[in-house]
C-alpha atoms as a PDB file:
ATOM      1  CA  UNK A   1     116.482 101.146 110.479  1.00  0.00           C
ATOM      2  CA  UNK A   2     116.445 100.722 106.710  1.00  0.00           C
ATOM      3  CA  UNK A   3     113.625  99.172 104.689  1.00  0.00           C
ATOM      4  CA  UNK A   4     115.806  96.127 103.986  1.00  0.00           C
ATOM      5  CA  UNK A   5     116.531  95.598 107.698  1.00  0.00           C
ATOM      6  CA  UNK A   6     112.856  96.070 108.611  1.00  0.00           C
ATOM      7  CA  UNK A   7     111.754  93.531 105.991  1.00  0.00           C
ATOM      8  CA  UNK A   8     114.351  90.954 107.111  1.00  0.00           C
ATOM      9  CA  UNK A   9     113.129  91.356 110.706  1.00  0.00           C
ATOM     10  CA  UNK A  10     109.495  91.076 109.583  1.00  0.00           C
ATOM     11  CA  UNK A  11     110.148  87.838 107.662  1.00  0.00           C
ATOM     12  CA  UNK A  12     112.114  86.297 110.545  1.00  0.00           C
ATOM     13  CA  UNK A  13     109.539  87.294 113.172  1.00  0.00           C
ATOM     14  CA  UNK A  14     106.690  85.818 111.122  1.00  0.00           C
ATOM     15  CA  UNK A  15     108.684  82.740 109.978  1.00  0.00           C
ATOM     16  CA  UNK A  16     108.207  83.625 106.322  1.00  0.00           C
ATOM     17  CA  UNK A  17     110.485  82.223 103.608  1.00  0.00           C
ATOM     18  CA  UNK A  18     110.596  84.766 100.812  1.00  0.00           C
ATOM     19  CA  UNK A  19     112.698  82.548  98.521  1.00  0.00           C
ATOM     20  CA  UNK A  20     110.130  79.736  98.631  1.00  0.00           C
ATOM     21  CA  UNK A  21     107.342  82.268  98.161  1.00  0.00           C
ATOM     22  CA  UNK A  22     108.931  83.745  95.040  1.00  0.00           C
ATOM     23  CA  UNK A  23     109.741  80.356  93.491  1.00  0.00           C
ATOM     24  CA  UNK A  24     106.319  78.780  94.081  1.00  0.00           C
ATOM     25  CA  UNK A  25     103.938  78.544  91.126  1.00  0.00           C
ATOM     26  CA  UNK A  26     100.946  79.058  93.436  1.00  0.00           C
ATOM     27  CA  UNK A  27     100.515  80.646  96.835  1.00  0.00           C
ATOM     28  CA  UNK A  28      97.721  79.964  99.289  1.00  0.00           C
ATOM     29  CA  UNK A  29      95.677  82.912 100.445  1.00  0.00           C
ATOM     30  CA  UNK A  30      92.422  83.213 102.322  1.00  0.00           C
ATOM     31  CA  UNK A  31      89.541  84.000 100.011  1.00  0.00           C
ATOM     32  CA  UNK A  32      86.704  84.298 102.445  1.00  0.00           C
ATOM     33  CA  UNK A  33      87.150  81.405 104.857  1.00  0.00           C
ATOM     34  CA  UNK A  34      88.830  79.102 102.325  1.00  0.00           C
ATOM     35  CA  UNK A  35      92.601  78.821 101.986  1.00  0.00           C
ATOM     36  CA  UNK A  36      92.773  78.763  98.195  1.00  0.00           C
ATOM     37  CA  UNK A  37      95.705  78.428  95.782  1.00  0.00           C
ATOM     38  CA  UNK A  38      96.178  81.384  93.443  1.00  0.00           C
ATOM     39  CA  UNK A  39      98.792  81.788  90.701  1.00  0.00           C
ATOM     40  CA  UNK A  40     101.993  83.443  91.905  1.00  0.00           C
ATOM     41  CA  UNK A  41     102.139  85.951  89.067  1.00  0.00           C
ATOM     42  CA  UNK A  42     105.027  88.365  88.494  1.00  0.00           C
ATOM     43  CA  UNK A  43     102.932  91.396  89.442  1.00  0.00           C
ATOM     44  CA  UNK A  44     102.311  89.878  92.891  1.00  0.00           C
ATOM     45  CA  UNK A  45     106.052  89.368  93.332  1.00  0.00           C
ATOM     46  CA  UNK A  46     106.704  92.959  92.231  1.00  0.00           C
ATOM     47  CA  UNK A  47     104.318  94.453  94.792  1.00  0.00           C
ATOM     48  CA  UNK A  48     104.807  92.025  97.700  1.00  0.00           C
ATOM     49  CA  UNK A  49     107.611  94.115  99.232  1.00  0.00           C
ATOM     50  CA  UNK A  50     105.328  97.145  99.458  1.00  0.00           C
ATOM     51  CA  UNK A  51     102.463  95.106 100.886  1.00  0.00           C
ATOM     52  CA  UNK A  52     104.789  93.800 103.590  1.00  0.00           C
ATOM     53  CA  UNK A  53     106.093  97.313 104.268  1.00  0.00           C
ATOM     54  CA  UNK A  54     102.491  98.385 104.778  1.00  0.00           C
ATOM     55  CA  UNK A  55     102.177  95.668 107.449  1.00  0.00           C
ATOM     56  CA  UNK A  56     105.331  96.970 109.133  1.00  0.00           C
ATOM     57  CA  UNK A  57     104.418 100.654 109.080  1.00  0.00           C
ATOM     58  CA  UNK A  58     100.759 100.167 110.049  1.00  0.00           C
ATOM     59  CA  UNK A  59     101.284  97.437 112.649  1.00  0.00           C
ATOM     60  CA  UNK A  60      98.602  95.120 111.210  1.00  0.00           C
ATOM     61  CA  UNK A  61      99.312  91.396 111.596  1.00  0.00           C
ATOM     62  CA  UNK A  62      99.400  88.613 109.021  1.00  0.00           C
ATOM     63  CA  UNK A  63      96.514  86.564 110.451  1.00  0.00           C
ATOM     64  CA  UNK A  64      93.069  86.619 108.810  1.00  0.00           C
ATOM     65  CA  UNK A  65      91.948  89.816 110.520  1.00  0.00           C
ATOM     66  CA  UNK A  66      95.333  91.491 109.998  1.00  0.00           C
ATOM     67  CA  UNK A  67      95.301  90.689 106.280  1.00  0.00           C
ATOM     68  CA  UNK A  68      91.778  92.101 106.061  1.00  0.00           C
ATOM     69  CA  UNK A  69      92.881  95.220 107.913  1.00  0.00           C
ATOM     70  CA  UNK A  70      95.834  95.775 105.600  1.00  0.00           C
ATOM     71  CA  UNK A  71      93.595  95.139 102.590  1.00  0.00           C
ATOM     72  CA  UNK A  72      91.118  97.730 103.863  1.00  0.00           C
ATOM     73  CA  UNK A  73      93.988 100.143 104.607  1.00  0.00           C
ATOM     74  CA  UNK A  74      95.390  99.710 101.103  1.00  0.00           C
ATOM     75  CA  UNK A  75      91.977 100.198  99.508  1.00  0.00           C
ATOM     76  CA  UNK A  76      91.494 103.325 101.610  1.00  0.00           C
ATOM     77  CA  UNK A  77      94.901 104.635 100.551  1.00  0.00           C
ATOM     78  CA  UNK A  78      93.900 104.296  96.901  1.00  0.00           C
ATOM     79  CA  UNK A  79      95.391 100.974  95.861  1.00  0.00           C
ATOM     80  CA  UNK A  80      92.774 101.204  93.074  1.00  0.00           C
ATOM     81  CA  UNK A  81      95.476 103.015  91.107  1.00  0.00           C
ATOM     82  CA  UNK A  82      96.982  99.530  90.750  1.00  0.00           C
ATOM     83  CA  UNK A  83      93.916  97.438  89.762  1.00  0.00           C
ATOM     84  CA  UNK A  84      95.601  94.065  90.354  1.00  0.00           C
ATOM     85  CA  UNK A  85      96.378  95.093  93.946  1.00  0.00           C
ATOM     86  CA  UNK A  86      92.749  96.092  94.480  1.00  0.00           C
ATOM     87  CA  UNK A  87      91.515  92.704  93.265  1.00  0.00           C
ATOM     88  CA  UNK A  88      93.944  90.935  95.609  1.00  0.00           C
ATOM     89  CA  UNK A  89      92.748  93.169  98.454  1.00  0.00           C
ATOM     90  CA  UNK A  90      89.131  92.223  97.749  1.00  0.00           C
ATOM     91  CA  UNK A  91      90.057  88.545  98.224  1.00  0.00           C
ATOM     92  CA  UNK A  92      91.103  89.171 101.826  1.00  0.00           C
ATOM     93  CA  UNK A  93      88.665  91.902 102.873  1.00  0.00           C
ATOM     94  CA  UNK A  94      85.525  89.893 103.664  1.00  0.00           C
ATOM     95  CA  UNK A  95      86.829  87.403 106.234  1.00  0.00           C
ATOM     96  CA  UNK A  96      88.200  90.006 108.599  1.00  0.00           C
ATOM     97  CA  UNK A  97      85.129  92.160 108.146  1.00  0.00           C
ATOM     98  CA  UNK A  98      82.889  89.243 109.157  1.00  0.00           C
ATOM     99  CA  UNK A  99      85.091  88.506 112.193  1.00  0.00           C
ATOM    100  CA  UNK A 100      85.953  92.084 113.287  1.00  0.00           C
ATOM    101  CA  UNK A 101      83.944  94.650 111.294  1.00  0.00           C
ATOM    102  CA  UNK A 102      84.901  97.651 113.442  1.00  0.00           C
ATOM    103  CA  UNK A 103      88.632  96.950 113.150  1.00  0.00           C
ATOM    104  CA  UNK A 104      88.493  96.506 109.374  1.00  0.00           C
ATOM    105  CA  UNK A 105      86.330  99.616 108.912  1.00  0.00           C
ATOM    106  CA  UNK A 106      88.731 101.645 111.082  1.00  0.00           C
ATOM    107  CA  UNK A 107      91.648 100.382 108.966  1.00  0.00           C
ATOM    108  CA  UNK A 108      89.907 101.598 105.787  1.00  0.00           C
ATOM    109  CA  UNK A 109      89.435 105.104 107.210  1.00  0.00           C
ATOM    110  CA  UNK A 110      93.007 105.106 108.498  1.00  0.00           C
ATOM    111  CA  UNK A 111      94.062 104.278 104.936  1.00  0.00           C
ATOM    112  CA  UNK A 112      91.964 107.187 103.663  1.00  0.00           C
ATOM    113  CA  UNK A 113      94.246 109.485 105.674  1.00  0.00           C
ATOM    114  CA  UNK A 114      97.431 107.771 104.467  1.00  0.00           C
ATOM    115  CA  UNK A 115      99.437 107.203 101.302  1.00  0.00           C
ATOM    116  CA  UNK A 116     100.500 103.733 100.174  1.00  0.00           C
ATOM    117  CA  UNK A 117     103.931 102.867  98.814  1.00  0.00           C
ATOM    118  CA  UNK A 118     102.991 101.214  95.516  1.00  0.00           C
ATOM    119  CA  UNK A 119     103.962 104.314  93.530  1.00  0.00           C
ATOM    120  CA  UNK A 120     107.606 103.712  94.532  1.00  0.00           C
ATOM    121  CA  UNK A 121     107.714 100.706  92.188  1.00  0.00           C
ATOM    122  CA  UNK A 122     107.456 103.125  89.242  1.00  0.00           C
ATOM    123  CA  UNK A 123     109.899 105.757  90.446  1.00  0.00           C
ATOM    124  CA  UNK A 124     112.749 104.017  92.347  1.00  0.00           C
ATOM    125  CA  UNK A 125     115.067 101.043  91.967  1.00  0.00           C
ATOM    126  CA  UNK A 126     114.992  98.112  94.406  1.00  0.00           C
ATOM    127  CA  UNK A 127     118.369  99.165  95.819  1.00  0.00           C
ATOM    128  CA  UNK A 128     117.195 102.730  96.452  1.00  0.00           C
ATOM    129  CA  UNK A 129     114.034 101.515  98.177  1.00  0.00           C
ATOM    130  CA  UNK A 130     116.041  99.143 100.395  1.00  0.00           C
ATOM    131  CA  UNK A 131     118.109 102.047 101.773  1.00  0.00           C
ATOM    132  CA  UNK A 132     115.138 104.238 102.766  1.00  0.00           C
ATOM    133  CA  UNK A 133     114.612 104.728 106.496  1.00  0.00           C
ATOM    134  CA  UNK A 134     111.450 103.047 107.805  1.00  0.00           C
ATOM    135  CA  UNK A 135     110.798 105.863 110.316  1.00  0.00           C
ATOM    136  CA  UNK A 136     110.849 108.457 107.514  1.00  0.00           C
ATOM    137  CA  UNK A 137     108.474 106.333 105.440  1.00  0.00           C
ATOM    138  CA  UNK A 138     106.010 106.229 108.339  1.00  0.00           C
ATOM    139  CA  UNK A 139     106.171 110.002 108.804  1.00  0.00           C
ATOM    140  CA  UNK A 140     105.690 110.682 105.084  1.00  0.00           C
ATOM    141  CA  UNK A 141     102.936 108.113 104.424  1.00  0.00           C
ATOM    142  CA  UNK A 142     101.038 107.054 107.541  1.00  0.00           C
ATOM    143  CA  UNK A 143      98.070 109.236 108.538  1.00  0.00           C
ATOM    144  CA  UNK A 144      99.387 112.307 106.755  1.00  0.00           C
ATOM    145  CA  UNK A 145      95.909 113.899 106.622  1.00  0.00           C
ATOM    146  CA  UNK A 146      94.012 115.029 109.728  1.00  0.00           C
ATOM    147  CA  UNK A 147      90.634 113.799 108.504  1.00  0.00           C
ATOM    148  CA  UNK A 148      89.028 111.724 105.777  1.00  0.00           C
ATOM    149  CA  UNK A 149      88.211 113.937 102.814  1.00  0.00           C
ATOM    150  CA  UNK A 150      84.749 113.437 101.290  1.00  0.00           C
ATOM    151  CA  UNK A 151      83.906 110.875 103.946  1.00  0.00           C
ATOM    152  CA  UNK A 152      80.402 110.137 102.617  1.00  0.00           C
ATOM    153  CA  UNK A 153      81.867 109.242  99.199  1.00  0.00           C
ATOM    154  CA  UNK A 154      84.525 107.090 100.843  1.00  0.00           C
ATOM    155  CA  UNK A 155      81.765 105.310 102.828  1.00  0.00           C
ATOM    156  CA  UNK A 156      79.982 104.455  99.580  1.00  0.00           C
ATOM    157  CA  UNK A 157      83.299 103.298  98.111  1.00  0.00           C
ATOM    158  CA  UNK A 158      83.930 101.015 101.117  1.00  0.00           C
ATOM    159  CA  UNK A 159      80.429  99.529 100.856  1.00  0.00           C
ATOM    160  CA  UNK A 160      81.178  98.771  97.194  1.00  0.00           C
ATOM    161  CA  UNK A 161      84.434  97.050  98.100  1.00  0.00           C
ATOM    162  CA  UNK A 162      82.649  94.986 100.742  1.00  0.00           C
ATOM    163  CA  UNK A 163      79.920  94.020  98.276  1.00  0.00           C
ATOM    164  CA  UNK A 164      82.401  92.708  95.703  1.00  0.00           C
ATOM    165  CA  UNK A 165      84.486  91.031  98.396  1.00  0.00           C
ATOM    166  CA  UNK A 166      81.402  89.228  99.723  1.00  0.00           C
ATOM    167  CA  UNK A 167      80.521  88.101  96.179  1.00  0.00           C
ATOM    168  CA  UNK A 168      84.019  86.586  95.887  1.00  0.00           C
ATOM    169  CA  UNK A 169      83.622  85.021  99.344  1.00  0.00           C
ATOM    170  CA  UNK A 170      80.222  83.460  98.534  1.00  0.00           C
ATOM    171  CA  UNK A 171      81.422  82.250  95.119  1.00  0.00           C
ATOM    172  CA  UNK A 172      84.385  80.503  96.731  1.00  0.00           C
ATOM    173  CA  UNK A 173      82.122  78.902  99.355  1.00  0.00           C
ATOM    174  CA  UNK A 174      79.785  77.572  96.656  1.00  0.00           C
ATOM    175  CA  UNK A 175      82.724  76.329  94.556  1.00  0.00           C
ATOM    176  CA  UNK A 176      84.244  74.652  97.635  1.00  0.00           C
ATOM    177  CA  UNK A 177      80.942  72.981  98.516  1.00  0.00           C
ATOM    178  CA  UNK A 178      80.550  71.813  94.916  1.00  0.00           C
ATOM    179  CA  UNK A 179      84.053  70.291  94.911  1.00  0.00           C
ATOM    180  CA  UNK A 180      83.455  68.555  98.258  1.00  0.00           C
ATOM    181  CA  UNK A 181      80.149  67.150  97.002  1.00  0.00           C
ATOM    182  CA  UNK A 182      81.775  65.948  93.772  1.00  0.00           C
ATOM    183  CA  UNK A 183      84.514  64.246  95.790  1.00  0.00           C
ATOM    184  CA  UNK A 184      81.925  62.588  98.050  1.00  0.00           C
ATOM    185  CA  UNK A 185      79.940  61.327  95.029  1.00  0.00           C
ATOM    186  CA  UNK A 186      83.120  60.013  93.427  1.00  0.00           C
ATOM    187  CA  UNK A 187      84.076  58.126  96.600  1.00  0.00           C
ATOM    188  CA  UNK A 188      80.556  56.628  96.861  1.00  0.00           C
ATOM    189  CA  UNK A 189      80.672  55.462  93.251  1.00  0.00           C
ATOM    190  CA  UNK A 190      84.133  53.963  93.740  1.00  0.00           C
ATOM    191  CA  UNK A 191      82.986  52.040  96.858  1.00  0.00           C
ATOM    192  CA  UNK A 192      79.870  50.610  95.198  1.00  0.00           C
ATOM    193  CA  UNK A 193      81.435  49.602  91.864  1.00  0.00           C
ATOM    194  CA  UNK A 194      82.575  45.969  91.582  1.00  0.00           C
ATOM    195  CA  UNK A 195      86.302  45.388  91.565  1.00  0.00           C
END
């Protein structure tokens, strides 16, 4: 099965509309427990294919925990080489970790033994990537190392990612609470003012 065929099957199975996703000005993603709109920037569109291929090759879902797992996997596989990807991964990391910490931690260490696909965006055309065989990609990228190298350093790295992810999570909760309070105050003022 080619990459293109695998992606088409993935989008159909998960009822995803890639055309709408690419044309939207904003997309909604979970930041902590809040479904928040974020700008649909060109870099996100450029790397989305690889993110979705990571879902396919790793088997992680697209629910909250699955997105946290894939974020942890990507961070473990050194998505930090693409800083924008790392920031996007931090948005999704905390929710799944709060819900299923063992699964998300295991995904990070699995990523430490793997290689992500983001480098392909710099070395191959879209057409060439579409013709790659998904089974070969799994063999060449998924758990290619027997063990996690420098595990104690990687543990510290993961704790750092979790710290920053939790800061994002808490900030979004406070901002959401502030907006809800402001809306409540506005509605109270509107009800009490004379018509």
